[in-house]
C-alpha atoms as a PDB file:
ATOM      1  CA  MET A   1       0.035  -0.291  -0.258  1.00  0.00           C
ATOM      2  CA  SER A   2       2.753   2.342   0.706  1.00  0.00           C
ATOM      3  CA  SER A   3       4.273   1.560  -2.375  1.00  0.00           C
ATOM      4  CA  GLU A   4       1.244   2.587  -4.637  1.00  0.00           C
ATOM      5  CA  THR A   5       0.868   5.755  -2.633  1.00  0.00           C
ATOM      6  CA  PRO A   6       3.832   7.716  -3.899  1.00  0.00           C
ATOM      7  CA  GLU A   7       3.244   6.163  -7.764  1.00  0.00           C
ATOM      8  CA  ARG A   8      -0.154   7.246  -7.469  1.00  0.00           C
ATOM      9  CA  ALA A   9       0.568  10.662  -6.400  1.00  0.00           C
ATOM     10  CA  LYS A  10       3.346  11.136  -9.206  1.00  0.00           C
ATOM     11  CA  ALA A  11       0.490  10.259 -11.595  1.00  0.00           C
ATOM     12  CA  VAL A  12      -1.690  12.729 -10.086  1.00  0.00           C
ATOM     13  CA  ARG A  13       0.865  15.707 -10.495  1.00  0.00           C
ATOM     14  CA  GLN A  14       1.410  14.148 -14.374  1.00  0.00           C
ATOM     15  CA  ARG A  15      -1.991  14.820 -15.137  1.00  0.00           C
ATOM     16  CA  SER A  16      -2.123  18.163 -13.321  1.00  0.00           C
ATOM     17  CA  SER A  17       0.730  19.397 -15.264  1.00  0.00           C
ATOM     18  CA  ILE A  18      -0.500  18.186 -18.192  1.00  0.00           C
ATOM     19  CA  SER A  19      -3.717  19.674 -17.892  1.00  0.00           C
ATOM     20  CA  ASP A  20      -2.089  22.970 -16.653  1.00  0.00           C
ATOM     21  CA  ALA A  21      -0.016  22.943 -19.671  1.00  0.00           C
ATOM     22  CA  VAL A  22      -3.069  22.204 -22.251  1.00  0.00           C
ATOM     23  CA  TRP A  23      -5.172  25.345 -20.672  1.00  0.00           C
ATOM     24  CA  SER A  24      -1.794  27.842 -20.719  1.00  0.00           C
ATOM     25  CA  LEU A  25      -1.424  26.869 -24.563  1.00  0.00           C
ATOM     26  CA  VAL A  26      -5.451  27.328 -24.783  1.00  0.00           C
ATOM     27  CA  ALA A  27      -5.114  30.811 -23.156  1.00  0.00           C
ATOM     28  CA  ILE A  28      -1.995  31.865 -25.202  1.00  0.00           C
ATOM     29  CA  VAL A  29      -3.870  31.081 -28.501  1.00  0.00           C
ATOM     30  CA  VAL A  30      -7.151  32.690 -27.465  1.00  0.00           C
ATOM     31  CA  ALA A  31      -4.646  35.570 -26.292  1.00  0.00           C
ATOM     32  CA  LEU A  32      -3.127  35.723 -29.770  1.00  0.00           C
ATOM     33  CA  ILE A  33      -6.569  35.997 -31.266  1.00  0.00           C
ATOM     34  CA  PHE A  34      -7.344  38.754 -29.462  1.00  0.00           C
ATOM     35  CA  PHE A  35      -3.669  40.529 -30.052  1.00  0.00           C
ATOM     36  CA  PHE A  36      -3.790  40.056 -34.007  1.00  0.00           C
ATOM     37  CA  PRO A  37      -6.255  42.832 -34.879  1.00  0.00           C
ATOM     38  CA  LEU A  38      -4.093  45.093 -32.929  1.00  0.00           C
ATOM     39  CA  TYR A  39      -0.785  43.644 -34.214  1.00  0.00           C
ATOM     40  CA  TRP A  40      -2.099  43.851 -38.134  1.00  0.00           C
ATOM     41  CA  ALA A  41      -2.841  47.448 -37.523  1.00  0.00           C
ATOM     42  CA  ILE A  42       0.609  48.058 -36.396  1.00  0.00           C
ATOM     43  CA  SER A  43       2.056  46.376 -39.412  1.00  0.00           C
ATOM     44  CA  ASN A  44      -0.561  48.332 -41.642  1.00  0.00           C
ATOM     45  CA  SER A  45       0.533  51.635 -40.158  1.00  0.00           C
ATOM     46  CA  LEU A  46       4.544  50.813 -40.906  1.00  0.00           C
ATOM     47  CA  ARG A  47       3.843  49.636 -44.710  1.00  0.00           C
ATOM     48  CA  ARG A  48       3.862  52.069 -47.885  1.00  0.00           C
ATOM     49  CA  PRO A  49       0.065  52.562 -49.291  1.00  0.00           C
ATOM     50  CA  ALA A  50       0.938  49.882 -52.230  1.00  0.00           C
ATOM     51  CA  GLU A  51       2.189  47.187 -49.720  1.00  0.00           C
ATOM     52  CA  THR A  52      -1.069  47.030 -47.967  1.00  0.00           C
ATOM     53  CA  PHE A  53      -2.204  44.915 -50.698  1.00  0.00           C
ATOM     54  CA  THR A  54       1.014  43.157 -52.162  1.00  0.00           C
ATOM     55  CA  VAL A  55       2.748  42.281 -48.664  1.00  0.00           C
ATOM     56  CA  ALA A  56       1.897  38.354 -48.152  1.00  0.00           C
ATOM     57  CA  GLY A  57       2.102  36.297 -45.106  1.00  0.00           C
ATOM     58  CA  LEU A  58       1.665  37.702 -41.697  1.00  0.00           C
ATOM     59  CA  GLY A  59       3.302  41.151 -42.614  1.00  0.00           C
ATOM     60  CA  ILE A  60       5.866  40.989 -40.360  1.00  0.00           C
ATOM     61  CA  PRO A  61       8.423  44.393 -40.516  1.00  0.00           C
ATOM     62  CA  PHE A  62      11.893  43.772 -41.572  1.00  0.00           C
ATOM     63  CA  VAL A  63      10.720  40.221 -42.937  1.00  0.00           C
ATOM     64  CA  ASP A  64       8.174  40.926 -45.656  1.00  0.00           C
ATOM     65  CA  PHE A  65       8.432  44.558 -45.868  1.00  0.00           C
ATOM     66  CA  THR A  66      10.805  47.226 -45.025  1.00  0.00           C
ATOM     67  CA  PRO A  67       8.968  49.737 -42.252  1.00  0.00           C
ATOM     68  CA  THR A  68       8.301  53.472 -42.737  1.00  0.00           C
ATOM     69  CA  LEU A  69       7.254  56.198 -40.665  1.00  0.00           C
ATOM     70  CA  GLU A  70       5.668  57.696 -43.350  1.00  0.00           C
ATOM     71  CA  ASN A  71       1.977  57.481 -42.564  1.00  0.00           C
ATOM     72  CA  TRP A  72       2.595  58.484 -39.104  1.00  0.00           C
ATOM     73  CA  ARG A  73       4.082  61.748 -39.925  1.00  0.00           C
ATOM     74  CA  SER A  74       1.597  62.623 -42.678  1.00  0.00           C
ATOM     75  CA  GLN A  75      -0.825  61.948 -39.878  1.00  0.00           C
ATOM     76  CA  VAL A  76       0.409  63.761 -37.195  1.00  0.00           C
ATOM     77  CA  MET A  77       1.024  66.787 -39.482  1.00  0.00           C
ATOM     78  CA  VAL A  78      -2.870  66.651 -40.355  1.00  0.00           C
ATOM     79  CA  PRO A  79      -4.370  69.868 -38.603  1.00  0.00           C
ATOM     80  CA  GLU A  80      -7.849  67.745 -38.493  1.00  0.00           C
ATOM     81  CA  ALA A  81      -6.204  64.972 -36.516  1.00  0.00           C
ATOM     82  CA  TYR A  82      -5.158  67.384 -33.779  1.00  0.00           C
ATOM     83  CA  ALA A  83      -9.103  68.942 -33.731  1.00  0.00           C
ATOM     84  CA  ALA A  84     -10.319  65.346 -33.333  1.00  0.00           C
ATOM     85  CA  PHE A  85      -7.786  64.565 -30.814  1.00  0.00           C
ATOM     86  CA  THR A  86      -8.789  67.302 -28.640  1.00  0.00           C
ATOM     87  CA  ASN A  87     -12.073  67.328 -29.424  1.00  0.00           C
ATOM     88  CA  SER A  88     -12.631  63.677 -28.054  1.00  0.00           C
ATOM     89  CA  THR A  89     -10.530  64.314 -25.207  1.00  0.00           C
ATOM     90  CA  LEU A  90     -12.534  67.485 -23.785  1.00  0.00           C
ATOM     91  CA  ILE A  91     -15.781  65.981 -24.875  1.00  0.00           C
ATOM     92  CA  SER A  92     -14.783  62.744 -22.792  1.00  0.00           C
ATOM     93  CA  LEU A  93     -13.277  64.527 -19.377  1.00  0.00           C
ATOM     94  CA  MET A  94     -16.065  67.211 -19.469  1.00  0.00           C
ATOM     95  CA  ALA A  95     -18.659  64.011 -19.487  1.00  0.00           C
ATOM     96  CA  VAL A  96     -17.521  61.878 -17.062  1.00  0.00           C
ATOM     97  CA  ALA A  97     -17.638  65.111 -14.737  1.00  0.00           C
ATOM     98  CA  ILE A  98     -20.810  66.091 -15.137  1.00  0.00           C
ATOM     99  CA  ALA A  99     -21.983  61.699 -15.029  1.00  0.00           C
ATOM    100  CA  LEU A 100     -20.176  62.031 -11.547  1.00  0.00           C
ATOM    101  CA  ALA A 101     -21.246  65.149 -10.300  1.00  0.00           C
ATOM    102  CA  LEU A 102     -25.021  63.978 -11.143  1.00  0.00           C
ATOM    103  CA  GLY A 103     -24.311  60.335 -10.426  1.00  0.00           C
ATOM    104  CA  LEU A 104     -22.418  60.172  -6.970  1.00  0.00           C
ATOM    105  CA  PRO A 105     -25.265  61.822  -5.019  1.00  0.00           C
ATOM    106  CA  ALA A 106     -28.075  59.400  -6.991  1.00  0.00           C
ATOM    107  CA  ALA A 107     -25.724  56.651  -6.180  1.00  0.00           C
ATOM    108  CA  TYR A 108     -25.601  57.509  -2.638  1.00  0.00           C
ATOM    109  CA  ALA A 109     -29.207  58.490  -2.219  1.00  0.00           C
ATOM    110  CA  LEU A 110     -30.132  55.241  -3.702  1.00  0.00           C
ATOM    111  CA  ALA A 111     -27.786  53.332  -1.070  1.00  0.00           C
ATOM    112  CA  ARG A 112     -28.921  55.378   1.886  1.00  0.00           C
ATOM    113  CA  PHE A 113     -32.369  56.668   1.720  1.00  0.00           C
ATOM    114  CA  LYS A 114     -35.916  55.138   0.989  1.00  0.00           C
ATOM    115  CA  PHE A 115     -38.088  56.245  -1.212  1.00  0.00           C
ATOM    116  CA  PHE A 116     -41.994  55.901  -0.917  1.00  0.00           C
ATOM    117  CA  LEU A 117     -43.227  56.958  -4.043  1.00  0.00           C
ATOM    118  CA  ILE A 118     -41.085  55.039  -6.298  1.00  0.00           C
ATOM    119  CA  PRO A 119     -38.800  51.848  -4.420  1.00  0.00           C
ATOM    120  CA  ASN A 120     -35.235  52.085  -4.799  1.00  0.00           C
ATOM    121  CA  LYS A 121     -34.902  48.812  -6.516  1.00  0.00           C
ATOM    122  CA  ASP A 122     -37.327  50.143  -9.575  1.00  0.00           C
ATOM    123  CA  LEU A 123     -35.274  53.281  -9.986  1.00  0.00           C
ATOM    124  CA  THR A 124     -32.309  51.176  -9.909  1.00  0.00           C
ATOM    125  CA  VAL A 125     -33.487  49.234 -12.749  1.00  0.00           C
ATOM    126  CA  TRP A 126     -34.635  52.423 -14.356  1.00  0.00           C
ATOM    127  CA  PHE A 127     -30.819  53.743 -14.435  1.00  0.00           C
ATOM    128  CA  LEU A 128     -30.000  50.360 -15.831  1.00  0.00           C
ATOM    129  CA  SER A 129     -32.821  50.967 -18.658  1.00  0.00           C
ATOM    130  CA  GLN A 130     -31.064  53.741 -19.921  1.00  0.00           C
ATOM    131  CA  ARG A 131     -27.902  51.484 -20.871  1.00  0.00           C
ATOM    132  CA  ILE A 132     -30.418  48.906 -22.549  1.00  0.00           C
ATOM    133  CA  LEU A 133     -32.361  51.633 -24.588  1.00  0.00           C
ATOM    134  CA  PRO A 134     -30.954  51.665 -28.068  1.00  0.00           C
ATOM    135  CA  PRO A 135     -29.103  55.018 -28.680  1.00  0.00           C
ATOM    136  CA  VAL A 136     -30.453  55.596 -32.254  1.00  0.00           C
ATOM    137  CA  ALA A 137     -33.865  55.563 -30.885  1.00  0.00           C
ATOM    138  CA  THR A 138     -32.779  59.121 -29.082  1.00  0.00           C
ATOM    139  CA  ALA A 139     -31.026  60.295 -32.205  1.00  0.00           C
ATOM    140  CA  VAL A 140     -33.575  62.261 -33.750  1.00  0.00           C
ATOM    141  CA  PRO A 141     -35.362  64.009 -31.028  1.00  0.00           C
ATOM    142  CA  PHE A 142     -31.553  64.687 -29.790  1.00  0.00           C
ATOM    143  CA  PHE A 143     -30.901  66.425 -33.305  1.00  0.00           C
ATOM    144  CA  ILE A 144     -34.116  68.364 -33.630  1.00  0.00           C
ATOM    145  CA  VAL A 145     -33.360  69.575 -29.605  1.00  0.00           C
ATOM    146  CA  PHE A 146     -29.846  70.736 -30.631  1.00  0.00           C
ATOM    147  CA  SER A 147     -30.536  72.131 -33.999  1.00  0.00           C
ATOM    148  CA  PHE A 148     -33.246  74.579 -32.103  1.00  0.00           C
ATOM    149  CA  PHE A 149     -30.786  75.717 -29.773  1.00  0.00           C
ATOM    150  CA  ASP A 150     -28.261  76.124 -32.467  1.00  0.00           C
ATOM    151  CA  LEU A 151     -26.046  73.759 -30.923  1.00  0.00           C
ATOM    152  CA  LEU A 152     -25.322  71.270 -33.709  1.00  0.00           C
ATOM    153  CA  ASP A 153     -21.544  70.590 -34.690  1.00  0.00           C
ATOM    154  CA  SER A 154     -20.678  71.688 -30.895  1.00  0.00           C
ATOM    155  CA  ARG A 155     -18.448  70.107 -28.014  1.00  0.00           C
ATOM    156  CA  ILE A 156     -21.555  71.363 -25.823  1.00  0.00           C
ATOM    157  CA  ALA A 157     -23.999  68.975 -27.408  1.00  0.00           C
ATOM    158  CA  LEU A 158     -21.662  65.920 -27.631  1.00  0.00           C
ATOM    159  CA  THR A 159     -20.814  66.405 -23.735  1.00  0.00           C
ATOM    160  CA  LEU A 160     -24.496  66.469 -22.741  1.00  0.00           C
ATOM    161  CA  VAL A 161     -25.323  63.271 -24.909  1.00  0.00           C
ATOM    162  CA  SER A 162     -22.347  61.700 -23.661  1.00  0.00           C
ATOM    163  CA  ALA A 163     -23.207  62.215 -20.530  1.00  0.00           C
ATOM    164  CA  THR A 164     -26.555  60.849 -20.444  1.00  0.00           C
ATOM    165  CA  PHE A 165     -25.632  57.729 -21.666  1.00  0.00           C
ATOM    166  CA  ILE A 166     -22.727  57.104 -19.504  1.00  0.00           C
ATOM    167  CA  LEU A 167     -24.511  58.009 -16.294  1.00  0.00           C
ATOM    168  CA  PRO A 168     -26.032  54.708 -15.389  1.00  0.00           C
ATOM    169  CA  PHE A 169     -22.589  53.498 -15.004  1.00  0.00           C
ATOM    170  CA  VAL A 170     -21.760  55.659 -12.021  1.00  0.00           C
ATOM    171  CA  VAL A 171     -25.068  55.345 -10.364  1.00  0.00           C
ATOM    172  CA  VAL A 172     -25.035  51.596 -10.608  1.00  0.00           C
ATOM    173  CA  ILE A 173     -21.428  50.537  -9.790  1.00  0.00           C
ATOM    174  CA  VAL A 174     -20.868  53.079  -6.858  1.00  0.00           C
ATOM    175  CA  ARG A 175     -24.581  52.577  -5.622  1.00  0.00           C
ATOM    176  CA  GLN A 176     -23.395  48.891  -4.752  1.00  0.00           C
ATOM    177  CA  THR A 177     -20.067  50.270  -2.956  1.00  0.00           C
ATOM    178  CA  PHE A 178     -22.115  52.918  -0.943  1.00  0.00           C
ATOM    179  CA  TYR A 179     -24.215  50.431  -0.107  1.00  0.00           C
ATOM    180  CA  ASP A 180     -21.533  47.656   1.265  1.00  0.00           C
ATOM    181  CA  LEU A 181     -19.721  50.550   3.193  1.00  0.00           C
ATOM    182  CA  PRO A 182     -20.047  50.151   7.093  1.00  0.00           C
ATOM    183  CA  ILE A 183     -22.866  52.654   7.841  1.00  0.00           C
ATOM    184  CA  GLU A 184     -21.608  52.800  11.692  1.00  0.00           C
ATOM    185  CA  LEU A 185     -18.897  55.727  10.271  1.00  0.00           C
ATOM    186  CA  GLU A 186     -21.686  57.967   8.837  1.00  0.00           C
ATOM    187  CA  GLU A 187     -24.145  57.643  11.892  1.00  0.00           C
ATOM    188  CA  ALA A 188     -20.910  58.247  14.061  1.00  0.00           C
ATOM    189  CA  ALA A 189     -20.264  61.680  12.150  1.00  0.00           C
ATOM    190  CA  LEU A 190     -24.188  62.505  12.191  1.00  0.00           C
ATOM    191  CA  VAL A 191     -24.090  62.092  15.799  1.00  0.00           C
ATOM    192  CA  ASP A 192     -20.885  64.541  15.966  1.00  0.00           C
ATOM    193  CA  GLY A 193     -23.130  67.312  13.981  1.00  0.00           C
ATOM    194  CA  ALA A 194     -22.138  66.312  10.601  1.00  0.00           C
ATOM    195  CA  SER A 195     -24.954  66.699   7.968  1.00  0.00           C
ATOM    196  CA  HIS A 196     -25.641  63.938   5.290  1.00  0.00           C
ATOM    197  CA  PHE A 197     -23.568  66.120   2.861  1.00  0.00           C
ATOM    198  CA  THR A 198     -20.707  66.372   5.304  1.00  0.00           C
ATOM    199  CA  ALA A 199     -20.846  62.289   5.765  1.00  0.00           C
ATOM    200  CA  PHE A 200     -21.221  61.919   2.028  1.00  0.00           C
ATOM    201  CA  TRP A 201     -18.133  64.233   0.891  1.00  0.00           C
ATOM    202  CA  ARG A 202     -15.756  63.572   4.221  1.00  0.00           C
ATOM    203  CA  ILE A 203     -16.592  59.771   4.215  1.00  0.00           C
ATOM    204  CA  ALA A 204     -18.341  57.846   1.661  1.00  0.00           C
ATOM    205  CA  ILE A 205     -16.359  59.808  -1.012  1.00  0.00           C
ATOM    206  CA  PRO A 206     -12.934  58.971   0.201  1.00  0.00           C
ATOM    207  CA  LEU A 207     -14.198  55.029   0.901  1.00  0.00           C
ATOM    208  CA  ALA A 208     -15.335  54.434  -2.442  1.00  0.00           C
ATOM    209  CA  MET A 209     -12.744  56.395  -4.236  1.00  0.00           C
ATOM    210  CA  PRO A 210     -11.752  53.021  -5.874  1.00  0.00           C
ATOM    211  CA  ALA A 211     -14.841  51.958  -7.490  1.00  0.00           C
ATOM    212  CA  ILE A 212     -15.154  55.642  -8.491  1.00  0.00           C
ATOM    213  CA  ALA A 213     -12.057  55.606 -10.713  1.00  0.00           C
ATOM    214  CA  ALA A 214     -12.991  52.412 -12.177  1.00  0.00           C
ATOM    215  CA  SER A 215     -16.561  53.691 -13.226  1.00  0.00           C
ATOM    216  CA  ALA A 216     -14.724  56.910 -14.134  1.00  0.00           C
ATOM    217  CA  LEU A 217     -12.611  54.890 -16.495  1.00  0.00           C
ATOM    218  CA  ILE A 218     -15.362  52.902 -17.970  1.00  0.00           C
ATOM    219  CA  MET A 219     -17.275  55.990 -18.872  1.00  0.00           C
ATOM    220  CA  PHE A 220     -14.280  57.662 -20.283  1.00  0.00           C
ATOM    221  CA  ALA A 221     -13.851  54.666 -22.667  1.00  0.00           C
ATOM    222  CA  PHE A 222     -17.303  54.858 -24.007  1.00  0.00           C
ATOM    223  CA  ALA A 223     -17.440  58.363 -24.548  1.00  0.00           C
ATOM    224  CA  TRP A 224     -13.954  58.394 -26.435  1.00  0.00           C
ATOM    225  CA  ASN A 225     -15.343  55.495 -28.464  1.00  0.00           C
ATOM    226  CA  GLU A 226     -18.708  57.343 -29.059  1.00  0.00           C
ATOM    227  CA  TYR A 227     -19.524  57.300 -32.754  1.00  0.00           C
ATOM    228  CA  LEU A 228     -23.077  57.645 -33.354  1.00  0.00           C
ATOM    229  CA  PHE A 229     -24.102  60.628 -31.971  1.00  0.00           C
ATOM    230  CA  ALA A 230     -20.776  62.123 -33.100  1.00  0.00           C
ATOM    231  CA  VAL A 231     -21.237  61.590 -36.358  1.00  0.00           C
ATOM    232  CA  ILE A 232     -24.810  62.731 -36.359  1.00  0.00           C
ATOM    233  CA  LEU A 233     -24.416  66.093 -34.528  1.00  0.00           C
ATOM    234  CA  THR A 234     -20.935  67.029 -35.705  1.00  0.00           C
ATOM    235  CA  VAL A 235     -19.958  68.213 -39.063  1.00  0.00           C
ATOM    236  CA  LYS A 236     -16.404  69.552 -38.960  1.00  0.00           C
ATOM    237  CA  ASP A 237     -15.608  71.928 -35.769  1.00  0.00           C
ATOM    238  CA  ALA A 238     -16.653  69.214 -33.462  1.00  0.00           C
ATOM    239  CA  ALA A 239     -15.598  66.029 -34.910  1.00  0.00           C
ATOM    240  CA  THR A 240     -13.911  63.410 -32.579  1.00  0.00           C
ATOM    241  CA  MET A 241     -11.418  60.627 -33.259  1.00  0.00           C
ATOM    242  CA  PRO A 242     -14.196  57.799 -33.989  1.00  0.00           C
ATOM    243  CA  VAL A 243     -15.325  60.141 -36.714  1.00  0.00           C
ATOM    244  CA  HIS A 244     -11.953  60.885 -37.916  1.00  0.00           C
ATOM    245  CA  ILE A 245     -11.205  57.339 -38.253  1.00  0.00           C
ATOM    246  CA  ALA A 246     -14.084  57.043 -40.595  1.00  0.00           C
ATOM    247  CA  GLY A 247     -12.726  59.557 -43.116  1.00  0.00           C
ATOM    248  CA  GLY A 248     -10.410  57.235 -43.958  1.00  0.00           C
ATOM    249  CA  VAL A 249     -12.645  55.836 -46.390  1.00  0.00           C
ATOM    250  CA  ASP A 250     -12.938  57.698 -49.531  1.00  0.00           C
ATOM    251  CA  THR A 251     -14.151  57.084 -53.177  1.00  0.00           C
ATOM    252  CA  ARG A 252     -11.101  54.845 -53.501  1.00  0.00           C
ATOM    253  CA  GLY A 253     -11.994  52.497 -50.854  1.00  0.00           C
ATOM    254  CA  VAL A 254     -10.789  52.394 -47.221  1.00  0.00           C
ATOM    255  CA  GLN A 255      -7.229  53.515 -46.950  1.00  0.00           C
ATOM    256  CA  PHE A 256      -6.075  50.950 -44.458  1.00  0.00           C
ATOM    257  CA  TRP A 257      -2.721  52.769 -43.818  1.00  0.00           C
ATOM    258  CA  PHE A 258      -4.428  56.141 -42.390  1.00  0.00           C
ATOM    259  CA  VAL A 259      -6.829  53.651 -40.524  1.00  0.00           C
ATOM    260  CA  ALA A 260      -4.593  52.204 -38.927  1.00  0.00           C
ATOM    261  CA  VAL A 261      -2.469  55.181 -37.760  1.00  0.00           C
ATOM    262  CA  ARG A 262      -5.914  56.963 -36.539  1.00  0.00           C
ATOM    263  CA  SER A 263      -6.551  53.555 -34.728  1.00  0.00           C
ATOM    264  CA  LEU A 264      -3.196  53.485 -33.009  1.00  0.00           C
ATOM    265  CA  ILE A 265      -3.355  57.135 -31.819  1.00  0.00           C
ATOM    266  CA  ALA A 266      -7.124  56.951 -30.597  1.00  0.00           C
ATOM    267  CA  MET A 267      -6.048  53.770 -28.265  1.00  0.00           C
ATOM    268  CA  ILE A 268      -3.461  55.904 -26.336  1.00  0.00           C
ATOM    269  CA  PRO A 269      -5.620  57.800 -24.211  1.00  0.00           C
ATOM    270  CA  PRO A 270      -7.553  55.432 -22.959  1.00  0.00           C
ATOM    271  CA  VAL A 271      -4.685  52.752 -22.698  1.00  0.00           C
ATOM    272  CA  LEU A 272      -2.252  55.309 -20.615  1.00  0.00           C
ATOM    273  CA  LEU A 273      -5.824  56.035 -18.239  1.00  0.00           C
ATOM    274  CA  ALA A 274      -6.275  52.238 -17.757  1.00  0.00           C
ATOM    275  CA  LEU A 275      -2.418  51.505 -16.727  1.00  0.00           C
ATOM    276  CA  LEU A 276      -2.528  54.509 -14.566  1.00  0.00           C
ATOM    277  CA  ALA A 277      -5.324  53.227 -12.766  1.00  0.00           C
ATOM    278  CA  GLN A 278      -5.084  49.981 -12.939  1.00  0.00           C
ATOM    279  CA  ARG A 279      -4.732  49.010  -9.052  1.00  0.00           C
ATOM    280  CA  TYR A 280      -8.061  51.489  -8.579  1.00  0.00           C
ATOM    281  CA  ILE A 281      -9.609  49.430 -11.456  1.00  0.00           C
ATOM    282  CA  VAL A 282      -9.184  45.993  -9.742  1.00  0.00           C
ATOM    283  CA  ARG A 283     -10.176  47.336  -6.329  1.00  0.00           C
ATOM    284  CA  GLY A 284     -13.220  48.989  -7.655  1.00  0.00           C
ATOM    285  CA  LEU A 285     -14.586  46.079  -9.935  1.00  0.00           C
ATOM    286  CA  THR A 286     -14.087  43.634  -6.803  1.00  0.00           C
ATOM    287  CA  LEU A 287     -15.047  46.114  -4.068  1.00  0.00           C
ATOM    288  CA  GLY A 288     -18.140  44.380  -2.482  1.00  0.00           C
ATOM    289  CA  ALA A 289     -17.869  41.427  -4.573  1.00  0.00           C
ATOM    290  CA  VAL A 290     -17.105  39.343  -1.450  1.00  0.00           C
ATOM    291  CA  LYS A 291     -18.897  40.117   2.115  1.00  0.00           C
ATOM    292  CA  GLY A 292     -18.590  38.768   5.725  1.00  0.00           C
END
């Protein structure tokens, strides 16, 4: 019996090692599949226009073609690129600021107070329904309203629209965080003479900062990637990066080399923010997942 136990344990370890190797290989293959579009964009951005259609194989730089930065230089020098990048940055930041200013008090109220006319659960579901609502269903009303106020092709219009559609994120994510925070801390502050707003601003907000940072980054990404309303409500002055990327299509077809460069440029701000706020994202999205 004693001689069979080590052999059995060895067999179990071997099967476990084989299983780990297989799952690691699957994970690598899946990662390569998801990263291939990014690699293809980098490869296309380094080719000459004619090489976009003539290079065979995987398009490996220095192997299948000689890379060049001509596409990058030509796009960086385009004034429309600067304008689109600036518009996207300002619109996204302002939309996130408005959504946080309105969503944080709403999330706190839903977590701490009871509403008699409309149950809290129904209000939360209503906020969720704003994400389920197809944005195209509101395109015509938004166009008519902004046309009436002469706000078409303006940053204000896109900021208000983006803030409207990203607001549910902060309400739903941060509400659960406020709900999971110990209410005794706020009650102690109220006993000491603090108001509900002071307890919200001085206690609840700092404790919920990881979730707020995570929701802010998610909202920034959605506002940055907004294309439908950007193409409907803008013409030139307020055009954003998604509209600028779509401008790589002309009567001759898709200019893949320009689209690749513009797409990579558009990825820079969200990726940098994600890297800088990585630890807040992990803490914010897992806060409240385990209780007790």
